[in-house]
Amino acid sequence: MASVNFDFESKELLELYLTGTGSVAKQFPSQVIGEFFLIMAEITAAVDERDLRALKSRRFEKLHRGHGEHSMRLNKQFRLIFTRSLDGTGQKLLIRRIEDYH
């Protein structure tokens, strides 16, 4: 069964994911960091993009500013920004950044 794989564009996001610390953790409120870990668990558990789209509170959407970026809501203010691609194992997300969407 295929699953959604992911990678991180920056070593700082990778460090946040692996250790929960680092420069990214200091840039955002703790609630946003907590939501980051919840959304990463949801991405890990997803079989494909349909599972991510089914998470209505996350508001999976394509951004209309180019670069093929998509987002999922962390809270009312912050979004997880990523790009999608397909590889030999299925859907792959490149996690690009956490962004203040306002």
Protein backbone atom coordinates (compact mmCIF):
# COMPACT_ATOMS: atom_id res chain seq x y z
CA MET A 1 0.00 0.00 0.00
CA ALA A 2 1.38 3.41 -0.96
CA SER A 3 1.75 6.15 1.59
CA VAL A 4 2.60 9.82 1.69
CA ASN A 5 6.32 10.30 2.12
CA PHE A 6 7.91 13.58 3.04
CA ASP A 7 11.19 15.40 3.22
CA PHE A 8 12.21 18.82 4.49
CA GLU A 9 13.56 21.66 2.39
CA SER A 10 15.69 23.02 5.23
CA LYS A 11 17.88 21.45 7.86
CA GLU A 12 16.18 23.71 10.42
CA LEU A 13 12.78 22.10 9.79
CA LEU A 14 14.37 18.66 9.88
CA GLU A 15 15.95 19.55 13.22
CA LEU A 16 12.56 20.68 14.55
CA TYR A 17 10.96 17.42 13.43
CA LEU A 18 13.72 15.22 14.87
CA THR A 19 14.45 17.03 18.14
CA GLY A 20 11.65 19.53 18.76
CA THR A 21 14.27 22.25 19.15
CA GLY A 22 16.29 24.68 17.09
CA SER A 23 15.83 28.02 15.41
CA VAL A 24 12.38 27.22 13.97
CA ALA A 25 11.06 26.22 17.38
CA LYS A 26 12.10 29.62 18.73
CA GLN A 27 10.36 31.54 15.92
CA PHE A 28 6.82 30.37 16.62
CA PRO A 29 4.47 30.03 19.60
CA SER A 30 4.53 26.65 21.34
CA GLN A 31 0.94 25.97 20.21
CA VAL A 32 2.04 26.25 16.57
CA ILE A 33 4.95 23.86 17.18
CA GLY A 34 2.57 21.41 18.83
CA GLU A 35 0.27 21.59 15.80
CA PHE A 36 3.29 21.04 13.54
CA PHE A 37 3.89 17.69 15.25
CA LEU A 38 0.21 16.75 15.03
CA ILE A 39 0.06 17.53 11.31
CA MET A 40 3.28 15.60 10.68
CA ALA A 41 1.69 12.59 12.41
CA GLU A 42 -1.36 12.99 10.17
CA ILE A 43 0.87 13.14 7.09
CA THR A 44 2.73 10.02 8.25
CA ALA A 45 -0.56 8.15 8.77
CA ALA A 46 -2.03 9.20 5.40
CA VAL A 47 -2.20 6.59 2.66
CA ASP A 48 -2.54 9.24 -0.04
CA GLU A 49 -3.57 12.83 -0.66
CA ARG A 50 -7.26 11.98 -0.19
CA ASP A 51 -6.60 11.25 3.48
CA LEU A 52 -5.04 14.70 3.87
CA ARG A 53 -7.90 16.41 2.04
CA ALA A 54 -10.38 14.60 4.31
CA LEU A 55 -8.95 16.49 7.32
CA LYS A 56 -11.37 19.38 6.82
CA SER A 57 -10.02 21.46 9.73
CA ARG A 58 -6.59 21.47 8.07
CA ARG A 59 -7.95 23.07 4.87
CA PHE A 60 -5.63 21.40 2.39
CA GLU A 61 -5.41 23.83 -0.50
CA LYS A 62 -3.38 24.81 -3.51
CA LEU A 63 -1.88 28.27 -3.20
CA HIS A 64 -2.47 30.54 -6.17
CA ARG A 65 0.82 32.36 -6.04
CA GLY A 66 2.83 30.00 -8.23
CA HIS A 67 5.60 27.55 -7.40
CA GLY A 68 3.10 24.66 -7.12
CA GLU A 69 2.77 25.21 -3.39
CA HIS A 70 0.04 23.84 -1.17
CA SER A 71 -0.80 24.48 2.44
CA MET A 72 -2.47 22.93 5.43
CA ARG A 73 -3.67 24.93 8.39
CA LEU A 74 -1.79 24.72 11.69
CA ASN A 75 -4.11 27.27 13.30
CA LYS A 76 -6.02 30.37 12.18
CA GLN A 77 -2.80 32.29 11.58
CA PHE A 78 -0.12 29.78 10.53
CA ARG A 79 0.10 27.27 7.68
CA LEU A 80 2.45 24.44 6.77
CA ILE A 81 3.63 25.13 3.21
CA PHE A 82 4.73 22.26 0.94
CA THR A 83 5.03 21.10 -2.64
CA ARG A 84 3.83 17.73 -3.95
CA SER A 85 5.37 15.24 -6.29
CA LEU A 86 5.16 11.57 -7.16
CA ASP A 87 8.06 9.19 -6.76
CA GLY A 88 8.37 5.43 -7.16
CA THR A 89 6.79 4.87 -3.75
CA GLY A 90 3.81 7.21 -4.19
CA GLN A 91 2.98 10.74 -3.12
CA LYS A 92 5.84 12.81 -1.72
CA LEU A 93 5.65 16.15 0.05
CA LEU A 94 8.52 18.58 0.36
CA ILE A 95 7.87 20.50 3.56
CA ARG A 96 9.09 24.01 2.80
CA ARG A 97 8.21 26.21 5.77
CA ILE A 98 5.80 27.32 8.44
CA GLU A 99 4.28 30.61 7.35
CA ASP A 100 2.26 33.39 8.93
CA TYR A 101 -0.60 33.43 6.46
CA HIS A 102 -1.94 36.87 7.36
